[in-house]
C-alpha cells in the first residue's frame, strides 16, 4: 500500500501595517471614566439643641440621652418606646375595698358613716390606679432592653420619645455614611497610554 503524500504547512508571515490611517488616540483625560469617584464630603451639621423634661429626669443632647442620671450614647440605642401603664394592683385593691364595704353596708354590719369612708377610700384607690405611670423602654444594641418609669401625663413624654428616635436615626445615618466613606478606595491616578 503506498504511503500518503506529505502535507507541507506554510509558516505564518506577519505583515506590519502602517498606523497612518488609524483613528487618532483618545485623550488621556477621557480614559479615567471607569474609576470610582469618591463623593464630596457632606457638610458638618450644626449640633441640635438640648431638650429637658420638666422634672429634669430626661435630658437629650445632640449625641447622648440621660435618663434618671444614667447616660446612654445615641449610637448604642436602637430606639425608645413609651407605653402608658395603668396600675392593675390599685384597681384590684380599689375594687375589692369597694365590694367589701358595699357588702358590709348592705348586710347592716356597718353604719352609714364608716361605709361612706370606705367608699371614699375605694374611690381614691381606683383614681390612683387610673393615674398610672409611663414606661420608657430603651432598646439597646446587642443588650437587653432597659425600662424606666416616668410619672405624669403621657403626651409630653411621647413628644420627647419621638425626638429621641429621630436623633437616634440621624446619628446612625451619619455613622453609616462615615463608614462608607472610609471603606471607599482612594481614586487611582489617570493612566496615560504610550503613543
C-alpha atoms as a PDB file:
ATOM      1  CA  UNK A   1       0.000   0.000   0.000  1.00  0.00           C
ATOM      2  CA  UNK A   2       1.513   3.334  -0.992  1.00  0.00           C
ATOM      3  CA  UNK A   3       2.267   5.953   1.732  1.00  0.00           C
ATOM      4  CA  UNK A   4       0.065   9.045   1.821  1.00  0.00           C
ATOM      5  CA  UNK A   5       1.573  12.166   0.306  1.00  0.00           C
ATOM      6  CA  UNK A   6       3.296  14.553   2.731  1.00  0.00           C
ATOM      7  CA  UNK A   7       1.450  17.748   3.529  1.00  0.00           C
ATOM      8  CA  UNK A   8       3.502  20.895   3.845  1.00  0.00           C
ATOM      9  CA  UNK A   9       2.232  23.626   6.154  1.00  0.00           C
ATOM     10  CA  UNK A  10       3.470  27.107   5.414  1.00  0.00           C
ATOM     11  CA  UNK A  11       4.708  29.171   8.330  1.00  0.00           C
ATOM     12  CA  UNK A  12       2.612  32.268   9.061  1.00  0.00           C
ATOM     13  CA  UNK A  13       4.004  35.508   7.822  1.00  0.00           C
ATOM     14  CA  UNK A  14       3.406  38.674   9.749  1.00  0.00           C
ATOM     15  CA  UNK A  15       2.798  41.828   7.841  1.00  0.00           C
ATOM     16  CA  UNK A  16       3.428  45.152   9.530  1.00  0.00           C
ATOM     17  CA  UNK A  17       0.931  47.756   8.504  1.00  0.00           C
ATOM     18  CA  UNK A  18       1.139  51.478   8.941  1.00  0.00           C
ATOM     19  CA  UNK A  19      -0.929  53.211  11.595  1.00  0.00           C
ATOM     20  CA  UNK A  20      -1.276  56.303   9.498  1.00  0.00           C
ATOM     21  CA  UNK A  21      -4.857  55.502   8.580  1.00  0.00           C
ATOM     22  CA  UNK A  22      -5.912  54.570  12.121  1.00  0.00           C
ATOM     23  CA  UNK A  23      -8.185  56.730  14.188  1.00  0.00           C
ATOM     24  CA  UNK A  24      -6.457  59.247  16.454  1.00  0.00           C
ATOM     25  CA  UNK A  25      -5.925  58.096  20.021  1.00  0.00           C
ATOM     26  CA  UNK A  26      -8.435  59.317  22.584  1.00  0.00           C
ATOM     27  CA  UNK A  27      -7.167  61.915  25.047  1.00  0.00           C
ATOM     28  CA  UNK A  28      -5.934  60.543  28.340  1.00  0.00           C
ATOM     29  CA  UNK A  29      -8.472  62.515  30.377  1.00  0.00           C
ATOM     30  CA  UNK A  30     -11.383  60.648  28.872  1.00  0.00           C
ATOM     31  CA  UNK A  31      -9.824  57.288  29.805  1.00  0.00           C
ATOM     32  CA  UNK A  32     -10.394  57.892  33.542  1.00  0.00           C
ATOM     33  CA  UNK A  33     -14.176  57.418  33.489  1.00  0.00           C
ATOM     34  CA  UNK A  34     -14.043  53.842  34.799  1.00  0.00           C
ATOM     35  CA  UNK A  35     -12.542  54.688  38.217  1.00  0.00           C
ATOM     36  CA  UNK A  36     -14.917  55.391  41.132  1.00  0.00           C
ATOM     37  CA  UNK A  37     -15.048  58.976  42.209  1.00  0.00           C
ATOM     38  CA  UNK A  38     -15.455  59.459  45.958  1.00  0.00           C
ATOM     39  CA  UNK A  39     -18.486  61.512  46.945  1.00  0.00           C
ATOM     40  CA  UNK A  40     -17.938  65.001  48.185  1.00  0.00           C
ATOM     41  CA  UNK A  41     -17.817  65.122  51.988  1.00  0.00           C
ATOM     42  CA  UNK A  42     -21.085  66.218  53.499  1.00  0.00           C
ATOM     43  CA  UNK A  43     -21.012  69.495  55.385  1.00  0.00           C
ATOM     44  CA  UNK A  44     -20.866  69.099  59.144  1.00  0.00           C
ATOM     45  CA  UNK A  45     -24.271  69.915  60.574  1.00  0.00           C
ATOM     46  CA  UNK A  46     -24.789  72.239  63.481  1.00  0.00           C
ATOM     47  CA  UNK A  47     -25.407  70.480  66.813  1.00  0.00           C
ATOM     48  CA  UNK A  48     -29.058  70.100  67.773  1.00  0.00           C
ATOM     49  CA  UNK A  49     -30.336  71.914  70.877  1.00  0.00           C
ATOM     50  CA  UNK A  50     -30.508  70.178  74.244  1.00  0.00           C
ATOM     51  CA  UNK A  51     -34.009  69.155  75.384  1.00  0.00           C
ATOM     52  CA  UNK A  52     -35.014  68.571  79.019  1.00  0.00           C
ATOM     53  CA  UNK A  53     -38.173  67.238  80.613  1.00  0.00           C
ATOM     54  CA  UNK A  54     -40.000  69.455  83.089  1.00  0.00           C
ATOM     55  CA  UNK A  55     -38.857  67.423  86.090  1.00  0.00           C
ATOM     56  CA  UNK A  56     -35.297  67.005  84.775  1.00  0.00           C
ATOM     57  CA  UNK A  57     -35.477  63.192  84.615  1.00  0.00           C
ATOM     58  CA  UNK A  58     -34.706  63.083  80.884  1.00  0.00           C
ATOM     59  CA  UNK A  59     -32.028  65.163  79.135  1.00  0.00           C
ATOM     60  CA  UNK A  60     -31.486  64.778  75.374  1.00  0.00           C
ATOM     61  CA  UNK A  61     -28.369  66.276  73.784  1.00  0.00           C
ATOM     62  CA  UNK A  62     -27.023  66.009  70.250  1.00  0.00           C
ATOM     63  CA  UNK A  63     -25.168  62.736  70.951  1.00  0.00           C
ATOM     64  CA  UNK A  64     -26.488  61.324  74.246  1.00  0.00           C
ATOM     65  CA  UNK A  65     -29.598  60.589  76.297  1.00  0.00           C
ATOM     66  CA  UNK A  66     -29.607  60.866  80.092  1.00  0.00           C
ATOM     67  CA  UNK A  67     -32.467  59.188  81.986  1.00  0.00           C
ATOM     68  CA  UNK A  68     -32.562  59.391  85.806  1.00  0.00           C
ATOM     69  CA  UNK A  69     -28.850  60.224  85.915  1.00  0.00           C
ATOM     70  CA  UNK A  70     -27.738  57.373  83.628  1.00  0.00           C
ATOM     71  CA  UNK A  71     -26.285  58.431  80.276  1.00  0.00           C
ATOM     72  CA  UNK A  72     -26.587  56.451  77.032  1.00  0.00           C
ATOM     73  CA  UNK A  73     -24.879  57.333  73.755  1.00  0.00           C
ATOM     74  CA  UNK A  74     -27.357  57.603  70.912  1.00  0.00           C
ATOM     75  CA  UNK A  75     -25.250  55.189  68.847  1.00  0.00           C
ATOM     76  CA  UNK A  76     -25.739  52.415  71.433  1.00  0.00           C
ATOM     77  CA  UNK A  77     -29.529  52.796  71.279  1.00  0.00           C
ATOM     78  CA  UNK A  78     -31.706  51.178  68.644  1.00  0.00           C
ATOM     79  CA  UNK A  79     -34.890  53.027  69.588  1.00  0.00           C
ATOM     80  CA  UNK A  80     -37.021  54.048  72.555  1.00  0.00           C
ATOM     81  CA  UNK A  81     -40.648  53.147  73.197  1.00  0.00           C
ATOM     82  CA  UNK A  82     -43.061  54.855  75.585  1.00  0.00           C
ATOM     83  CA  UNK A  83     -46.100  52.966  76.906  1.00  0.00           C
ATOM     84  CA  UNK A  84     -48.681  54.351  79.352  1.00  0.00           C
ATOM     85  CA  UNK A  85     -49.205  51.728  82.076  1.00  0.00           C
ATOM     86  CA  UNK A  86     -52.161  51.544  84.436  1.00  0.00           C
ATOM     87  CA  UNK A  87     -51.565  50.147  87.898  1.00  0.00           C
ATOM     88  CA  UNK A  88     -53.681  46.999  87.952  1.00  0.00           C
ATOM     89  CA  UNK A  89     -52.879  46.311  91.592  1.00  0.00           C
ATOM     90  CA  UNK A  90     -54.509  49.571  92.679  1.00  0.00           C
ATOM     91  CA  UNK A  91     -57.558  48.790  90.542  1.00  0.00           C
ATOM     92  CA  UNK A  92     -57.870  45.434  92.277  1.00  0.00           C
ATOM     93  CA  UNK A  93     -57.429  46.921  95.730  1.00  0.00           C
ATOM     94  CA  UNK A  94     -59.989  49.635  94.974  1.00  0.00           C
ATOM     95  CA  UNK A  95     -62.488  47.143  93.585  1.00  0.00           C
ATOM     96  CA  UNK A  96     -62.108  44.717  96.496  1.00  0.00           C
ATOM     97  CA  UNK A  97     -62.400  47.582  99.014  1.00  0.00           C
ATOM     98  CA  UNK A  98     -65.498  48.941  97.306  1.00  0.00           C
ATOM     99  CA  UNK A  99     -67.121  45.488  97.151  1.00  0.00           C
ATOM    100  CA  UNK A 100     -66.256  44.722 100.780  1.00  0.00           C
ATOM    101  CA  UNK A 101     -67.673  47.955 102.186  1.00  0.00           C
ATOM    102  CA  UNK A 102     -70.783  47.689  99.973  1.00  0.00           C
ATOM    103  CA  UNK A 103     -71.401  44.120 101.174  1.00  0.00           C
ATOM    104  CA  UNK A 104     -70.866  45.080 104.813  1.00  0.00           C
ATOM    105  CA  UNK A 105     -73.186  48.073 104.475  1.00  0.00           C
ATOM    106  CA  UNK A 106     -75.935  46.046 102.785  1.00  0.00           C
ATOM    107  CA  UNK A 107     -75.707  43.342 105.478  1.00  0.00           C
ATOM    108  CA  UNK A 108     -76.049  46.023 108.186  1.00  0.00           C
ATOM    109  CA  UNK A 109     -72.597  45.208 109.575  1.00  0.00           C
ATOM    110  CA  UNK A 110     -71.552  48.856 109.176  1.00  0.00           C
ATOM    111  CA  UNK A 111     -73.280  52.117 109.877  1.00  0.00           C
ATOM    112  CA  UNK A 112     -73.557  54.815 107.229  1.00  0.00           C
ATOM    113  CA  UNK A 113     -70.547  56.970 108.216  1.00  0.00           C
ATOM    114  CA  UNK A 114     -67.971  54.116 108.248  1.00  0.00           C
ATOM    115  CA  UNK A 115     -69.430  52.765 104.994  1.00  0.00           C
ATOM    116  CA  UNK A 116     -69.104  56.181 103.314  1.00  0.00           C
ATOM    117  CA  UNK A 117     -65.489  56.458 104.493  1.00  0.00           C
ATOM    118  CA  UNK A 118     -64.812  53.019 102.999  1.00  0.00           C
ATOM    119  CA  UNK A 119     -66.415  54.050  99.709  1.00  0.00           C
ATOM    120  CA  UNK A 120     -64.248  57.183  99.638  1.00  0.00           C
ATOM    121  CA  UNK A 121     -61.089  55.136 100.275  1.00  0.00           C
ATOM    122  CA  UNK A 122     -62.049  52.717  97.469  1.00  0.00           C
ATOM    123  CA  UNK A 123     -62.658  55.639  95.086  1.00  0.00           C
ATOM    124  CA  UNK A 124     -59.207  57.067  95.923  1.00  0.00           C
ATOM    125  CA  UNK A 125     -57.572  53.691  95.232  1.00  0.00           C
ATOM    126  CA  UNK A 126     -59.356  53.440  91.882  1.00  0.00           C
ATOM    127  CA  UNK A 127     -58.335  57.007  90.935  1.00  0.00           C
ATOM    128  CA  UNK A 128     -54.718  56.302  91.884  1.00  0.00           C
ATOM    129  CA  UNK A 129     -54.727  53.183  89.727  1.00  0.00           C
ATOM    130  CA  UNK A 130     -56.145  55.145  86.798  1.00  0.00           C
ATOM    131  CA  UNK A 131     -53.326  57.670  87.129  1.00  0.00           C
ATOM    132  CA  UNK A 132     -50.710  55.025  86.406  1.00  0.00           C
ATOM    133  CA  UNK A 133     -47.277  55.795  85.007  1.00  0.00           C
ATOM    134  CA  UNK A 134     -45.345  55.856  81.728  1.00  0.00           C
ATOM    135  CA  UNK A 135     -42.881  53.082  80.972  1.00  0.00           C
ATOM    136  CA  UNK A 136     -39.917  54.071  78.802  1.00  0.00           C
ATOM    137  CA  UNK A 137     -38.236  51.069  77.154  1.00  0.00           C
ATOM    138  CA  UNK A 138     -34.706  51.668  75.850  1.00  0.00           C
ATOM    139  CA  UNK A 139     -33.788  49.153  73.129  1.00  0.00           C
ATOM    140  CA  UNK A 140     -30.005  48.769  73.384  1.00  0.00           C
ATOM    141  CA  UNK A 141     -27.962  47.304  70.535  1.00  0.00           C
ATOM    142  CA  UNK A 142     -26.860  43.781  71.423  1.00  0.00           C
ATOM    143  CA  UNK A 143     -28.105  44.016  75.025  1.00  0.00           C
ATOM    144  CA  UNK A 144     -31.282  43.532  76.992  1.00  0.00           C
ATOM    145  CA  UNK A 145     -33.730  46.435  76.937  1.00  0.00           C
ATOM    146  CA  UNK A 146     -33.753  48.837  79.897  1.00  0.00           C
ATOM    147  CA  UNK A 147     -37.009  50.056  81.484  1.00  0.00           C
ATOM    148  CA  UNK A 148     -37.615  53.369  83.251  1.00  0.00           C
ATOM    149  CA  UNK A 149     -40.824  54.625  84.885  1.00  0.00           C
ATOM    150  CA  UNK A 150     -41.716  58.261  84.143  1.00  0.00           C
ATOM    151  CA  UNK A 151     -44.560  59.944  86.051  1.00  0.00           C
ATOM    152  CA  UNK A 152     -47.103  62.434  84.761  1.00  0.00           C
ATOM    153  CA  UNK A 153     -49.110  62.814  81.577  1.00  0.00           C
ATOM    154  CA  UNK A 154     -48.110  60.736  78.552  1.00  0.00           C
ATOM    155  CA  UNK A 155     -48.259  63.476  75.869  1.00  0.00           C
ATOM    156  CA  UNK A 156     -45.020  65.382  76.806  1.00  0.00           C
ATOM    157  CA  UNK A 157     -43.127  62.114  77.210  1.00  0.00           C
ATOM    158  CA  UNK A 158     -44.364  60.870  73.823  1.00  0.00           C
ATOM    159  CA  UNK A 159     -43.112  64.074  72.185  1.00  0.00           C
ATOM    160  CA  UNK A 160     -39.680  63.598  73.774  1.00  0.00           C
ATOM    161  CA  UNK A 161     -39.590  59.909  72.783  1.00  0.00           C
ATOM    162  CA  UNK A 162     -40.340  60.807  69.155  1.00  0.00           C
ATOM    163  CA  UNK A 163     -37.483  63.339  69.176  1.00  0.00           C
ATOM    164  CA  UNK A 164     -35.127  60.766  70.727  1.00  0.00           C
ATOM    165  CA  UNK A 165     -35.966  58.263  67.958  1.00  0.00           C
ATOM    166  CA  UNK A 166     -35.396  60.932  65.287  1.00  0.00           C
ATOM    167  CA  UNK A 167     -31.960  61.797  66.690  1.00  0.00           C
ATOM    168  CA  UNK A 168     -31.034  58.101  67.025  1.00  0.00           C
ATOM    169  CA  UNK A 169     -31.794  57.556  63.318  1.00  0.00           C
ATOM    170  CA  UNK A 170     -29.816  60.695  62.427  1.00  0.00           C
ATOM    171  CA  UNK A 171     -26.749  59.530  64.395  1.00  0.00           C
ATOM    172  CA  UNK A 172     -26.891  56.042  62.845  1.00  0.00           C
ATOM    173  CA  UNK A 173     -27.208  57.507  59.333  1.00  0.00           C
ATOM    174  CA  UNK A 174     -24.189  59.771  59.911  1.00  0.00           C
ATOM    175  CA  UNK A 175     -22.122  56.870  61.268  1.00  0.00           C
ATOM    176  CA  UNK A 176     -23.064  54.714  58.254  1.00  0.00           C
ATOM    177  CA  UNK A 177     -22.105  57.488  55.834  1.00  0.00           C
ATOM    178  CA  UNK A 178     -18.734  57.963  57.556  1.00  0.00           C
ATOM    179  CA  UNK A 179     -18.059  54.208  57.466  1.00  0.00           C
ATOM    180  CA  UNK A 180     -18.938  54.030  53.766  1.00  0.00           C
ATOM    181  CA  UNK A 181     -16.622  56.954  53.008  1.00  0.00           C
ATOM    182  CA  UNK A 182     -13.795  55.312  54.973  1.00  0.00           C
ATOM    183  CA  UNK A 183     -14.208  51.983  53.130  1.00  0.00           C
ATOM    184  CA  UNK A 184     -14.229  53.555  49.666  1.00  0.00           C
ATOM    185  CA  UNK A 185     -10.802  53.008  47.984  1.00  0.00           C
ATOM    186  CA  UNK A 186      -8.813  56.115  47.103  1.00  0.00           C
ATOM    187  CA  UNK A 187      -9.031  57.189  43.460  1.00  0.00           C
ATOM    188  CA  UNK A 188      -6.232  55.900  41.221  1.00  0.00           C
ATOM    189  CA  UNK A 189      -4.253  58.370  39.163  1.00  0.00           C
ATOM    190  CA  UNK A 190      -5.262  58.598  35.499  1.00  0.00           C
ATOM    191  CA  UNK A 191      -3.389  56.248  33.217  1.00  0.00           C
ATOM    192  CA  UNK A 192      -1.838  57.547  30.011  1.00  0.00           C
ATOM    193  CA  UNK A 193      -1.296  55.253  27.082  1.00  0.00           C
ATOM    194  CA  UNK A 194       2.005  55.427  25.199  1.00  0.00           C
ATOM    195  CA  UNK A 195       1.653  56.960  21.774  1.00  0.00           C
END
